[in-house]
């Protein structure tokens, strides 16, 4: 369903009782559409630096478009932090926005952050059922920025119903920051977590990205 119908920003903090891990099974995609939302798994008591709250969607077999994600961030200033996302038949995270005309002159920047998540992996950061689509897929018009930092992205599989399984896909994005991610391995940097297609795919008018050597530590 859609989140944050009222003016934001909003925050989702966690305080789930019982022992970790804490698995939330979605019955449909989670869409942040109207105002900024910070979804922060690091707020769960017991968090010690790696995700213990996660979402799965094994029974969601239909989404509006092939590039839809199980989590869709479409509101400026939104943050997705500290979750594990596993067992998904589509893309894990989608950032998608059409810029208003004013942004084409640089007066507005759509800024979304995806950081410190496990994608395609369970709470161990090593194993998982995987994601059958992109890890993080981002479509936008000019002068849009996304930060993808500190994530572990693995087990991106073919045979899904969504976009091809690139770890990070950027289209029409500018000034993006993609760094300090482990891609193609688990959080230990050793256990293989294959990515079926490319690690970072930059396409069509995407430019001026900060993608340093440490963008994908696990592949070195």
N, C-alpha and C. Protein backbone atom coordinates (compact mmCIF):
# COMPACT_ATOMS: atom_id res chain seq x y z
N UNK A 1 0.82 -1.19 0.00
CA UNK A 1 0.00 0.00 0.00
C UNK A 1 0.85 1.23 0.00
N UNK A 2 0.21 2.40 -0.06
CA UNK A 2 0.95 3.65 -0.09
C UNK A 2 1.21 4.15 1.32
N UNK A 3 2.39 4.77 1.47
CA UNK A 3 2.74 5.33 2.75
C UNK A 3 2.73 6.85 2.70
N UNK A 4 2.67 7.48 3.87
CA UNK A 4 2.81 8.93 4.07
C UNK A 4 1.91 9.77 3.18
N UNK A 5 0.62 9.61 3.32
CA UNK A 5 -0.31 10.40 2.52
C UNK A 5 -0.29 11.87 2.93
N UNK A 6 0.04 12.17 4.19
CA UNK A 6 0.10 13.54 4.66
C UNK A 6 1.49 14.12 4.44
N UNK A 7 1.60 15.43 4.65
CA UNK A 7 2.88 16.09 4.47
C UNK A 7 3.89 15.55 5.48
N UNK A 8 5.10 15.25 5.03
CA UNK A 8 6.14 14.69 5.88
C UNK A 8 7.17 15.73 6.25
N UNK A 9 8.36 15.32 6.67
CA UNK A 9 8.79 13.92 6.61
C UNK A 9 8.23 13.07 7.75
N UNK A 10 8.16 11.76 7.49
CA UNK A 10 7.71 10.80 8.47
C UNK A 10 8.84 9.83 8.78
N UNK A 11 8.73 9.13 9.88
CA UNK A 11 9.73 8.14 10.25
C UNK A 11 9.05 6.85 10.68
N UNK A 12 9.60 5.73 10.25
CA UNK A 12 9.16 4.41 10.70
C UNK A 12 10.28 3.85 11.57
N UNK A 13 10.03 3.77 12.88
CA UNK A 13 10.94 3.17 13.83
C UNK A 13 10.36 1.84 14.29
N UNK A 14 11.23 0.95 14.75
CA UNK A 14 10.80 -0.40 15.08
C UNK A 14 11.03 -0.69 16.56
N UNK A 15 10.08 -1.44 17.13
CA UNK A 15 10.21 -1.93 18.50
C UNK A 15 9.40 -3.22 18.59
N UNK A 16 9.86 -4.23 17.85
CA UNK A 16 9.13 -5.48 17.72
C UNK A 16 9.56 -6.41 18.87
N UNK A 17 8.60 -6.96 19.62
CA UNK A 17 8.97 -7.83 20.74
C UNK A 17 9.46 -9.19 20.27
N UNK A 18 10.12 -9.90 21.18
CA UNK A 18 10.58 -11.24 20.90
C UNK A 18 11.99 -11.28 20.38
N UNK A 19 12.49 -12.48 20.11
CA UNK A 19 13.87 -12.64 19.66
C UNK A 19 14.04 -12.31 18.18
N UNK A 20 15.22 -11.85 17.81
CA UNK A 20 15.56 -11.60 16.42
C UNK A 20 15.78 -12.93 15.69
N UNK A 21 15.63 -12.96 14.35
CA UNK A 21 15.31 -11.83 13.48
C UNK A 21 13.80 -11.55 13.45
N UNK A 22 13.46 -10.39 12.95
CA UNK A 22 12.08 -9.93 12.87
C UNK A 22 11.72 -9.82 11.39
N UNK A 23 10.87 -10.72 10.93
CA UNK A 23 10.56 -10.84 9.51
C UNK A 23 9.14 -10.36 9.26
N UNK A 24 9.00 -9.41 8.38
CA UNK A 24 7.69 -8.87 8.01
C UNK A 24 7.37 -9.35 6.60
N UNK A 25 6.31 -10.12 6.46
CA UNK A 25 5.92 -10.60 5.13
C UNK A 25 4.91 -9.63 4.52
N UNK A 26 5.27 -9.07 3.37
CA UNK A 26 4.41 -8.13 2.69
C UNK A 26 3.43 -8.86 1.79
N UNK A 27 2.21 -8.33 1.75
CA UNK A 27 1.21 -8.86 0.85
C UNK A 27 1.11 -8.08 -0.44
N UNK A 28 1.91 -7.03 -0.57
CA UNK A 28 1.97 -6.19 -1.76
C UNK A 28 3.14 -5.24 -1.61
N UNK A 29 3.36 -4.41 -2.60
CA UNK A 29 4.50 -3.51 -2.54
C UNK A 29 4.24 -2.38 -1.54
N UNK A 30 5.32 -1.86 -0.97
CA UNK A 30 5.27 -0.72 -0.07
C UNK A 30 5.70 0.50 -0.86
N UNK A 31 4.78 1.46 -1.04
CA UNK A 31 5.01 2.61 -1.90
C UNK A 31 5.04 3.89 -1.09
N UNK A 32 6.18 4.56 -1.09
CA UNK A 32 6.33 5.87 -0.44
C UNK A 32 6.20 6.91 -1.55
N UNK A 33 5.07 7.60 -1.60
CA UNK A 33 4.75 8.37 -2.81
C UNK A 33 4.58 9.86 -2.60
N UNK A 34 4.12 10.32 -1.46
CA UNK A 34 3.66 11.70 -1.35
C UNK A 34 4.55 12.61 -0.53
N UNK A 35 5.23 12.08 0.46
CA UNK A 35 6.10 12.90 1.31
C UNK A 35 7.22 12.02 1.84
N UNK A 36 8.31 12.66 2.23
CA UNK A 36 9.50 11.93 2.65
C UNK A 36 9.20 10.98 3.80
N UNK A 37 9.80 9.81 3.73
CA UNK A 37 9.69 8.84 4.80
C UNK A 37 11.05 8.23 5.06
N UNK A 38 11.42 8.13 6.32
CA UNK A 38 12.65 7.45 6.74
C UNK A 38 12.25 6.12 7.36
N UNK A 39 12.59 5.03 6.70
CA UNK A 39 12.33 3.69 7.21
C UNK A 39 13.64 3.18 7.77
N UNK A 40 13.74 3.06 9.08
CA UNK A 40 15.03 2.89 9.75
C UNK A 40 15.04 1.64 10.63
N UNK A 41 15.60 0.56 10.07
CA UNK A 41 15.69 -0.68 10.82
C UNK A 41 16.71 -0.64 11.95
N UNK A 42 17.58 0.35 11.95
CA UNK A 42 18.58 0.44 13.01
C UNK A 42 17.97 0.85 14.34
N UNK A 43 16.71 1.26 14.33
CA UNK A 43 16.04 1.67 15.57
C UNK A 43 15.52 0.48 16.38
N UNK A 44 15.50 -0.71 15.78
CA UNK A 44 15.02 -1.88 16.50
C UNK A 44 15.95 -2.21 17.66
N UNK A 45 15.43 -2.32 18.90
CA UNK A 45 16.27 -2.73 20.02
C UNK A 45 16.99 -4.05 19.71
N UNK A 46 18.27 -4.10 20.00
CA UNK A 46 19.08 -5.26 19.69
C UNK A 46 19.92 -5.10 18.44
N UNK A 47 19.67 -4.03 17.69
CA UNK A 47 20.48 -3.78 16.49
C UNK A 47 21.92 -3.49 16.92
N UNK A 48 22.86 -4.23 16.30
CA UNK A 48 24.27 -4.08 16.66
C UNK A 48 25.15 -3.87 15.43
N UNK A 49 24.60 -3.23 14.41
CA UNK A 49 25.40 -2.91 13.24
C UNK A 49 25.04 -3.66 11.98
N UNK A 50 24.16 -4.65 12.07
CA UNK A 50 23.69 -5.36 10.87
C UNK A 50 22.19 -5.60 11.00
N UNK A 51 21.48 -5.70 9.88
CA UNK A 51 20.02 -5.75 9.92
C UNK A 51 19.47 -6.95 10.67
N UNK A 52 18.48 -6.69 11.52
CA UNK A 52 17.75 -7.77 12.19
C UNK A 52 16.26 -7.68 11.91
N UNK A 53 15.82 -6.61 11.24
CA UNK A 53 14.44 -6.46 10.78
C UNK A 53 14.46 -6.56 9.26
N UNK A 54 13.55 -7.36 8.71
CA UNK A 54 13.54 -7.49 7.26
C UNK A 54 12.17 -7.71 6.69
N UNK A 55 12.09 -7.60 5.37
CA UNK A 55 10.85 -7.85 4.66
C UNK A 55 11.07 -8.95 3.63
N UNK A 56 10.06 -9.79 3.49
CA UNK A 56 10.02 -10.79 2.44
C UNK A 56 8.69 -10.66 1.72
N UNK A 57 8.61 -11.21 0.53
CA UNK A 57 7.36 -11.14 -0.23
C UNK A 57 7.24 -12.35 -1.15
N UNK A 58 7.28 -13.55 -0.60
CA UNK A 58 7.29 -14.75 -1.45
C UNK A 58 6.01 -14.96 -2.24
N UNK A 59 4.92 -14.34 -1.80
CA UNK A 59 3.63 -14.57 -2.46
C UNK A 59 3.16 -13.39 -3.29
N UNK A 60 4.00 -12.37 -3.42
CA UNK A 60 3.64 -11.23 -4.28
C UNK A 60 4.16 -11.54 -5.68
N UNK A 61 3.24 -11.90 -6.55
CA UNK A 61 3.61 -12.36 -7.89
C UNK A 61 3.14 -11.41 -8.97
N UNK A 62 2.61 -10.25 -8.56
CA UNK A 62 2.12 -9.29 -9.55
C UNK A 62 2.34 -7.88 -9.02
N UNK A 63 2.96 -7.02 -9.82
CA UNK A 63 3.12 -5.60 -9.50
C UNK A 63 2.72 -4.78 -10.71
N UNK A 64 2.49 -3.47 -10.55
CA UNK A 64 1.98 -2.66 -11.65
C UNK A 64 2.84 -2.65 -12.90
N UNK A 65 4.18 -2.66 -12.74
CA UNK A 65 5.08 -2.66 -13.89
C UNK A 65 6.21 -3.62 -13.62
N UNK A 66 6.94 -3.99 -14.69
CA UNK A 66 8.01 -4.97 -14.53
C UNK A 66 9.17 -4.43 -13.72
N UNK A 67 9.33 -3.08 -13.66
CA UNK A 67 10.45 -2.51 -12.91
C UNK A 67 10.02 -2.01 -11.53
N UNK A 68 8.82 -2.36 -11.13
CA UNK A 68 8.34 -2.00 -9.80
C UNK A 68 9.17 -2.74 -8.76
N UNK A 69 9.35 -2.16 -7.59
CA UNK A 69 10.05 -2.83 -6.51
C UNK A 69 9.10 -3.27 -5.43
N UNK A 70 9.59 -4.11 -4.54
CA UNK A 70 8.75 -4.46 -3.39
C UNK A 70 8.71 -3.27 -2.42
N UNK A 71 9.77 -2.42 -2.45
CA UNK A 71 9.76 -1.14 -1.76
C UNK A 71 10.04 -0.07 -2.80
N UNK A 72 9.16 0.93 -2.90
CA UNK A 72 9.25 1.98 -3.91
C UNK A 72 9.34 3.34 -3.23
N UNK A 73 10.46 4.01 -3.45
CA UNK A 73 10.72 5.32 -2.83
C UNK A 73 10.54 6.39 -3.89
N UNK A 74 9.46 7.14 -3.81
CA UNK A 74 9.14 8.13 -4.83
C UNK A 74 8.93 9.52 -4.24
N UNK A 75 9.31 9.70 -3.01
CA UNK A 75 9.15 11.00 -2.35
C UNK A 75 10.53 11.54 -2.00
N UNK A 76 10.75 12.79 -2.33
CA UNK A 76 12.03 13.43 -2.11
C UNK A 76 12.43 13.40 -0.65
N UNK A 77 13.71 13.06 -0.39
CA UNK A 77 14.22 13.03 0.96
C UNK A 77 14.00 11.73 1.70
N UNK A 78 13.48 10.71 1.03
CA UNK A 78 13.23 9.44 1.70
C UNK A 78 14.52 8.67 1.93
N UNK A 79 14.50 7.82 2.98
CA UNK A 79 15.67 7.02 3.35
C UNK A 79 15.19 5.60 3.67
N UNK A 80 15.93 4.62 3.17
CA UNK A 80 15.71 3.22 3.53
C UNK A 80 17.01 2.72 4.16
N UNK A 81 16.95 2.35 5.43
CA UNK A 81 18.19 2.06 6.16
C UNK A 81 18.01 0.82 7.07
N UNK A 82 19.01 -0.05 7.02
CA UNK A 82 19.14 -1.08 8.03
C UNK A 82 18.11 -2.19 8.00
N UNK A 83 17.64 -2.59 6.81
CA UNK A 83 16.72 -3.72 6.67
C UNK A 83 17.38 -4.82 5.86
N UNK A 84 16.87 -6.04 6.00
CA UNK A 84 17.19 -7.06 5.01
C UNK A 84 15.95 -7.30 4.16
N UNK A 85 16.17 -7.48 2.86
CA UNK A 85 15.09 -7.65 1.89
C UNK A 85 15.39 -8.94 1.12
N UNK A 86 14.52 -9.92 1.24
CA UNK A 86 14.81 -11.24 0.70
C UNK A 86 13.53 -11.89 0.18
N UNK A 87 13.71 -12.90 -0.65
CA UNK A 87 12.60 -13.72 -1.15
C UNK A 87 11.56 -12.85 -1.87
N UNK A 88 12.04 -12.17 -2.91
CA UNK A 88 11.23 -11.23 -3.69
C UNK A 88 11.27 -11.64 -5.16
N UNK A 89 10.13 -11.59 -5.84
CA UNK A 89 10.06 -11.99 -7.24
C UNK A 89 10.25 -10.82 -8.20
N UNK A 90 10.42 -9.61 -7.67
CA UNK A 90 10.63 -8.42 -8.48
C UNK A 90 11.89 -7.72 -7.99
N UNK A 91 12.08 -6.48 -8.39
CA UNK A 91 13.19 -5.70 -7.86
C UNK A 91 12.97 -5.48 -6.36
N UNK A 92 14.08 -5.34 -5.64
CA UNK A 92 13.96 -5.11 -4.20
C UNK A 92 13.56 -3.66 -3.92
N UNK A 93 14.32 -2.70 -4.45
CA UNK A 93 14.09 -1.27 -4.17
C UNK A 93 14.03 -0.52 -5.48
N UNK A 94 12.98 0.27 -5.65
CA UNK A 94 12.82 1.09 -6.84
C UNK A 94 12.75 2.56 -6.43
N UNK A 95 13.56 3.38 -7.07
CA UNK A 95 13.50 4.83 -6.89
C UNK A 95 13.11 5.41 -8.24
N UNK A 96 11.94 6.00 -8.30
CA UNK A 96 11.40 6.40 -9.60
C UNK A 96 10.66 7.72 -9.47
N UNK A 97 11.05 8.70 -10.28
CA UNK A 97 10.38 10.00 -10.21
C UNK A 97 10.55 10.73 -11.53
N UNK A 98 9.51 11.41 -11.94
CA UNK A 98 9.61 12.34 -13.05
C UNK A 98 9.80 13.73 -12.48
N UNK A 99 10.87 14.38 -12.91
CA UNK A 99 11.20 15.70 -12.36
C UNK A 99 10.24 16.74 -12.89
N UNK A 100 9.81 17.67 -12.04
CA UNK A 100 9.07 18.82 -12.55
C UNK A 100 9.98 19.70 -13.39
N UNK A 101 9.39 20.56 -14.20
CA UNK A 101 10.19 21.38 -15.11
C UNK A 101 11.23 22.21 -14.38
N UNK A 102 10.91 22.66 -13.16
CA UNK A 102 11.84 23.52 -12.44
C UNK A 102 13.15 22.81 -12.14
N UNK A 103 13.09 21.48 -11.97
CA UNK A 103 14.31 20.76 -11.60
C UNK A 103 15.28 20.68 -12.77
N UNK A 104 14.79 20.85 -13.98
CA UNK A 104 15.68 20.78 -15.12
C UNK A 104 16.65 21.95 -15.16
N UNK A 105 16.35 22.99 -14.41
CA UNK A 105 17.26 24.13 -14.33
C UNK A 105 18.10 24.10 -13.06
N UNK A 106 17.97 23.03 -12.29
CA UNK A 106 18.78 22.86 -11.10
C UNK A 106 18.17 23.41 -9.84
N UNK A 107 16.93 23.83 -9.85
CA UNK A 107 16.34 24.44 -8.67
C UNK A 107 15.71 23.41 -7.73
N UNK A 108 15.66 22.16 -8.15
CA UNK A 108 15.09 21.12 -7.30
C UNK A 108 15.89 19.84 -7.49
N UNK A 109 16.24 19.18 -6.40
CA UNK A 109 16.98 17.93 -6.47
C UNK A 109 16.23 16.87 -5.68
N UNK A 110 15.97 15.77 -6.32
CA UNK A 110 15.33 14.63 -5.67
C UNK A 110 16.43 13.80 -5.05
N UNK A 111 16.45 13.69 -3.75
CA UNK A 111 17.57 13.09 -3.04
C UNK A 111 17.05 11.95 -2.16
N UNK A 112 17.38 10.71 -2.53
CA UNK A 112 16.94 9.53 -1.80
C UNK A 112 18.17 8.73 -1.40
N UNK A 113 18.14 8.14 -0.21
CA UNK A 113 19.26 7.35 0.30
C UNK A 113 18.83 5.93 0.59
N UNK A 114 19.64 4.97 0.11
CA UNK A 114 19.46 3.55 0.40
C UNK A 114 20.77 3.08 1.02
N UNK A 115 20.78 2.79 2.31
CA UNK A 115 22.05 2.52 2.97
C UNK A 115 21.95 1.44 4.04
N UNK A 116 23.05 0.68 4.15
CA UNK A 116 23.23 -0.29 5.24
C UNK A 116 22.16 -1.37 5.26
N UNK A 117 21.73 -1.79 4.08
CA UNK A 117 20.76 -2.88 3.96
C UNK A 117 21.42 -4.15 3.44
N UNK A 118 20.79 -5.30 3.71
CA UNK A 118 21.11 -6.55 3.03
C UNK A 118 20.02 -6.75 1.98
N UNK A 119 20.42 -6.94 0.74
CA UNK A 119 19.46 -7.10 -0.35
C UNK A 119 19.72 -8.43 -1.04
N UNK A 120 18.70 -9.30 -1.06
CA UNK A 120 18.85 -10.65 -1.59
C UNK A 120 19.40 -11.61 -0.57
N UNK A 121 19.50 -11.16 0.67
CA UNK A 121 20.08 -11.95 1.76
C UNK A 121 19.18 -11.86 2.99
N UNK A 122 19.25 -12.87 3.84
CA UNK A 122 18.50 -12.81 5.09
C UNK A 122 19.33 -12.11 6.16
N UNK A 123 18.93 -12.24 7.42
CA UNK A 123 19.58 -11.49 8.48
C UNK A 123 21.03 -11.88 8.70
N UNK A 124 21.42 -13.07 8.20
CA UNK A 124 22.81 -13.49 8.36
C UNK A 124 23.75 -12.70 7.46
N UNK A 125 23.19 -12.13 6.39
CA UNK A 125 24.03 -11.44 5.42
C UNK A 125 24.84 -12.37 4.55
N UNK A 126 24.57 -13.66 4.63
CA UNK A 126 25.36 -14.65 3.89
C UNK A 126 24.46 -15.52 3.01
N UNK A 127 23.33 -15.96 3.55
CA UNK A 127 22.43 -16.82 2.80
C UNK A 127 21.10 -16.09 2.58
N UNK A 128 20.26 -16.69 1.77
CA UNK A 128 18.95 -16.11 1.52
C UNK A 128 18.28 -16.75 0.33
N UNK A 129 16.99 -16.47 0.16
CA UNK A 129 16.25 -16.97 -0.99
C UNK A 129 16.52 -16.15 -2.25
N UNK A 130 16.95 -14.90 -2.06
CA UNK A 130 17.34 -14.08 -3.19
C UNK A 130 16.25 -13.15 -3.69
N UNK A 131 16.65 -12.31 -4.62
CA UNK A 131 15.77 -11.36 -5.30
C UNK A 131 15.83 -11.67 -6.79
N UNK A 132 14.67 -11.82 -7.42
CA UNK A 132 14.61 -12.16 -8.84
C UNK A 132 14.34 -10.90 -9.66
N UNK A 133 15.27 -9.98 -9.56
CA UNK A 133 15.20 -8.69 -10.24
C UNK A 133 16.35 -7.84 -9.77
N UNK A 134 16.30 -6.54 -10.04
CA UNK A 134 17.37 -5.64 -9.62
C UNK A 134 17.43 -5.52 -8.10
N UNK A 135 18.64 -5.23 -7.60
CA UNK A 135 18.76 -4.90 -6.19
C UNK A 135 18.20 -3.51 -5.91
N UNK A 136 18.80 -2.49 -6.56
CA UNK A 136 18.30 -1.12 -6.49
C UNK A 136 18.20 -0.61 -7.92
N UNK A 137 17.02 -0.23 -8.33
CA UNK A 137 16.80 0.29 -9.68
C UNK A 137 16.28 1.71 -9.56
N UNK A 138 16.86 2.61 -10.34
CA UNK A 138 16.52 4.02 -10.20
C UNK A 138 16.30 4.65 -11.57
N UNK A 139 15.10 5.19 -11.76
CA UNK A 139 14.75 5.94 -12.96
C UNK A 139 14.42 7.37 -12.55
N UNK A 140 14.85 8.32 -13.34
CA UNK A 140 14.50 9.70 -13.05
C UNK A 140 14.72 10.55 -14.28
N UNK A 141 14.36 11.82 -14.16
CA UNK A 141 14.73 12.80 -15.16
C UNK A 141 15.95 13.56 -14.66
N UNK A 142 16.41 14.52 -15.41
CA UNK A 142 17.68 15.16 -15.13
C UNK A 142 17.73 15.75 -13.72
N UNK A 143 18.96 15.83 -13.22
CA UNK A 143 19.26 16.51 -11.96
C UNK A 143 18.62 15.82 -10.76
N UNK A 144 18.64 14.50 -10.79
CA UNK A 144 18.13 13.72 -9.67
C UNK A 144 19.29 12.93 -9.08
N UNK A 145 19.31 12.80 -7.77
CA UNK A 145 20.45 12.20 -7.09
C UNK A 145 19.98 11.09 -6.17
N UNK A 146 20.79 10.03 -6.10
CA UNK A 146 20.52 8.94 -5.18
C UNK A 146 21.84 8.53 -4.53
N UNK A 147 21.77 8.21 -3.25
CA UNK A 147 22.92 7.69 -2.53
C UNK A 147 22.68 6.22 -2.21
N UNK A 148 23.59 5.36 -2.65
CA UNK A 148 23.50 3.92 -2.40
C UNK A 148 24.81 3.54 -1.72
N UNK A 149 24.76 3.34 -0.42
CA UNK A 149 26.01 3.23 0.35
C UNK A 149 25.89 2.18 1.45
N UNK A 150 26.94 1.38 1.58
CA UNK A 150 27.05 0.46 2.71
C UNK A 150 26.12 -0.73 2.67
N UNK A 151 25.59 -1.06 1.49
CA UNK A 151 24.69 -2.20 1.36
C UNK A 151 25.47 -3.47 1.00
N UNK A 152 24.89 -4.61 1.34
CA UNK A 152 25.38 -5.91 0.87
C UNK A 152 24.32 -6.45 -0.08
N UNK A 153 24.71 -6.65 -1.34
CA UNK A 153 23.76 -7.04 -2.38
C UNK A 153 24.23 -8.34 -3.02
N UNK A 154 23.46 -9.39 -2.87
CA UNK A 154 23.82 -10.68 -3.44
C UNK A 154 22.58 -11.50 -3.75
N UNK A 155 22.81 -12.68 -4.36
CA UNK A 155 21.72 -13.59 -4.70
C UNK A 155 20.65 -12.91 -5.54
N UNK A 156 21.09 -12.21 -6.60
CA UNK A 156 20.16 -11.63 -7.57
C UNK A 156 20.03 -12.64 -8.70
N UNK A 157 18.82 -13.17 -8.86
CA UNK A 157 18.60 -14.36 -9.66
C UNK A 157 17.78 -14.06 -10.91
N UNK A 158 17.92 -14.91 -11.90
CA UNK A 158 17.07 -14.84 -13.08
C UNK A 158 15.77 -15.60 -12.79
N UNK A 159 14.87 -15.54 -13.75
CA UNK A 159 13.63 -16.29 -13.61
C UNK A 159 12.53 -15.56 -12.88
N UNK A 160 12.76 -14.27 -12.59
CA UNK A 160 11.73 -13.51 -11.90
C UNK A 160 10.78 -12.83 -12.86
N UNK A 161 9.92 -11.99 -12.31
CA UNK A 161 8.90 -11.30 -13.07
C UNK A 161 9.22 -9.83 -13.28
N UNK A 162 10.39 -9.40 -12.81
CA UNK A 162 10.73 -7.99 -12.88
C UNK A 162 11.87 -7.72 -13.84
N UNK A 163 12.48 -6.55 -13.69
CA UNK A 163 13.60 -6.15 -14.52
C UNK A 163 14.77 -7.11 -14.33
N UNK A 164 15.67 -7.20 -15.34
CA UNK A 164 16.82 -8.09 -15.22
C UNK A 164 17.64 -7.79 -13.97
N UNK A 165 18.28 -8.81 -13.41
CA UNK A 165 18.92 -8.68 -12.10
C UNK A 165 20.29 -8.00 -12.13
N UNK A 166 20.31 -6.69 -12.34
CA UNK A 166 21.49 -5.88 -12.08
C UNK A 166 21.53 -5.55 -10.59
N UNK A 167 22.72 -5.46 -10.02
CA UNK A 167 22.79 -5.09 -8.60
C UNK A 167 22.32 -3.65 -8.40
N UNK A 168 22.86 -2.72 -9.20
CA UNK A 168 22.46 -1.32 -9.16
C UNK A 168 22.24 -0.86 -10.60
N UNK A 169 21.08 -0.30 -10.87
CA UNK A 169 20.73 0.17 -12.21
C UNK A 169 20.37 1.65 -12.10
N UNK A 170 21.10 2.50 -12.83
CA UNK A 170 20.86 3.95 -12.80
C UNK A 170 20.50 4.42 -14.20
N UNK A 171 19.36 5.08 -14.32
CA UNK A 171 18.96 5.64 -15.61
C UNK A 171 18.46 7.07 -15.40
N UNK A 172 19.01 7.99 -16.19
CA UNK A 172 18.64 9.41 -16.10
C UNK A 172 18.93 9.99 -14.72
N UNK A 173 19.97 9.51 -14.08
CA UNK A 173 20.34 10.03 -12.77
C UNK A 173 21.62 10.86 -12.90
N UNK A 174 21.75 11.90 -12.07
CA UNK A 174 22.95 12.73 -12.07
C UNK A 174 23.48 12.84 -10.64
N UNK A 175 24.80 12.92 -10.52
CA UNK A 175 25.45 13.17 -9.23
C UNK A 175 25.12 12.11 -8.19
N UNK A 176 24.98 10.87 -8.62
CA UNK A 176 24.70 9.81 -7.66
C UNK A 176 25.97 9.38 -6.94
N UNK A 177 25.79 8.87 -5.73
CA UNK A 177 26.89 8.43 -4.89
C UNK A 177 26.68 6.95 -4.59
N UNK A 178 27.50 6.10 -5.21
CA UNK A 178 27.40 4.65 -5.02
C UNK A 178 28.73 4.19 -4.46
N UNK A 179 28.77 3.84 -3.18
CA UNK A 179 30.06 3.56 -2.56
C UNK A 179 29.92 2.63 -1.37
N UNK A 180 31.02 1.92 -1.07
CA UNK A 180 31.14 1.09 0.13
C UNK A 180 30.09 -0.01 0.19
N UNK A 181 29.68 -0.50 -0.97
CA UNK A 181 28.76 -1.63 -1.02
C UNK A 181 29.55 -2.91 -1.26
N UNK A 182 29.04 -4.02 -0.75
CA UNK A 182 29.57 -5.34 -1.07
C UNK A 182 28.58 -5.99 -2.03
N UNK A 183 29.03 -6.30 -3.22
CA UNK A 183 28.15 -6.82 -4.26
C UNK A 183 28.70 -8.15 -4.78
N UNK A 184 27.85 -9.16 -4.80
CA UNK A 184 28.25 -10.45 -5.31
C UNK A 184 28.81 -11.38 -4.25
N UNK A 185 28.87 -10.91 -3.03
CA UNK A 185 29.33 -11.71 -1.90
C UNK A 185 28.44 -11.42 -0.70
N UNK A 186 28.59 -12.23 0.33
CA UNK A 186 27.89 -11.97 1.57
C UNK A 186 28.60 -10.91 2.38
N UNK A 187 28.04 -10.64 3.55
CA UNK A 187 28.60 -9.60 4.41
C UNK A 187 30.00 -9.94 4.89
N UNK A 188 30.36 -11.23 4.86
CA UNK A 188 31.70 -11.62 5.27
C UNK A 188 32.74 -11.35 4.19
N UNK A 189 32.28 -10.94 2.99
CA UNK A 189 33.20 -10.64 1.89
C UNK A 189 33.79 -11.87 1.26
N UNK A 190 33.35 -13.06 1.65
CA UNK A 190 33.93 -14.30 1.15
C UNK A 190 32.89 -15.24 0.55
N UNK A 191 31.74 -15.38 1.21
CA UNK A 191 30.71 -16.29 0.72
C UNK A 191 30.06 -15.72 -0.53
N UNK A 192 30.04 -16.51 -1.59
CA UNK A 192 29.51 -16.03 -2.86
C UNK A 192 28.01 -15.79 -2.77
N UNK A 193 27.58 -14.66 -3.33
CA UNK A 193 26.17 -14.35 -3.48
C UNK A 193 25.98 -13.83 -4.89
N UNK A 194 25.88 -14.71 -5.86
CA UNK A 194 26.00 -14.32 -7.27
C UNK A 194 25.01 -13.25 -7.71
N UNK A 195 25.47 -12.42 -8.63
CA UNK A 195 24.64 -11.42 -9.30
C UNK A 195 24.56 -11.84 -10.76
N UNK A 196 23.34 -12.11 -11.24
CA UNK A 196 23.19 -12.73 -12.55
C UNK A 196 23.69 -11.85 -13.69
N UNK A 197 23.52 -10.52 -13.58
CA UNK A 197 23.97 -9.63 -14.65
C UNK A 197 25.03 -8.68 -14.11
N UNK A 198 24.90 -7.39 -14.39
CA UNK A 198 25.98 -6.46 -14.07
C UNK A 198 25.96 -6.03 -12.61
N UNK A 199 27.11 -5.53 -12.17
CA UNK A 199 27.24 -5.01 -10.82
C UNK A 199 26.62 -3.62 -10.73
N UNK A 200 27.09 -2.70 -11.56
CA UNK A 200 26.53 -1.35 -11.62
C UNK A 200 26.28 -1.02 -13.09
N UNK A 201 25.04 -0.80 -13.44
CA UNK A 201 24.65 -0.55 -14.83
C UNK A 201 24.17 0.89 -14.93
N UNK A 202 24.88 1.69 -15.71
CA UNK A 202 24.55 3.10 -15.89
C UNK A 202 24.07 3.29 -17.32
N UNK A 203 22.87 3.86 -17.48
CA UNK A 203 22.23 3.86 -18.79
C UNK A 203 21.57 5.20 -19.08
N UNK A 204 21.71 5.68 -20.28
CA UNK A 204 20.92 6.75 -20.88
C UNK A 204 20.83 8.03 -20.06
N UNK A 205 21.72 8.94 -20.34
CA UNK A 205 21.73 10.28 -19.74
C UNK A 205 22.12 10.28 -18.26
N UNK A 206 22.53 9.15 -17.73
CA UNK A 206 23.03 9.15 -16.36
C UNK A 206 24.47 9.65 -16.38
N UNK A 207 24.80 10.58 -15.50
CA UNK A 207 26.12 11.20 -15.60
C UNK A 207 26.62 11.68 -14.25
N UNK A 208 27.93 11.92 -14.23
CA UNK A 208 28.59 12.57 -13.09
C UNK A 208 28.37 11.80 -11.79
N UNK A 209 28.62 10.49 -11.84
CA UNK A 209 28.42 9.66 -10.67
C UNK A 209 29.72 9.49 -9.89
N UNK A 210 29.62 9.48 -8.59
CA UNK A 210 30.76 9.15 -7.73
C UNK A 210 30.71 7.65 -7.46
N UNK A 211 31.47 6.88 -8.25
CA UNK A 211 31.52 5.43 -8.09
C UNK A 211 32.99 5.06 -7.91
N UNK A 212 33.52 5.20 -6.69
CA UNK A 212 34.94 4.95 -6.46
C UNK A 212 35.28 3.48 -6.42
N UNK A 213 36.53 3.18 -6.21
CA UNK A 213 36.99 1.80 -6.18
C UNK A 213 36.21 0.97 -5.18
N UNK A 214 35.85 1.56 -4.06
CA UNK A 214 35.18 0.81 -3.01
C UNK A 214 33.69 0.68 -3.23
N UNK A 215 33.22 0.92 -4.44
CA UNK A 215 31.79 0.77 -4.71
C UNK A 215 31.35 -0.68 -4.51
N UNK A 216 32.25 -1.61 -4.78
CA UNK A 216 31.85 -3.01 -4.70
C UNK A 216 33.02 -3.81 -4.16
N UNK A 217 33.28 -3.62 -2.86
CA UNK A 217 34.41 -4.26 -2.21
C UNK A 217 34.43 -5.77 -2.40
N UNK A 218 33.25 -6.39 -2.35
CA UNK A 218 33.21 -7.85 -2.38
C UNK A 218 33.73 -8.46 -3.66
N UNK A 219 33.86 -7.67 -4.71
CA UNK A 219 34.31 -8.22 -5.99
C UNK A 219 35.81 -8.10 -6.18
N UNK A 220 36.50 -7.46 -5.28
CA UNK A 220 37.93 -7.25 -5.49
C UNK A 220 38.71 -8.48 -5.09
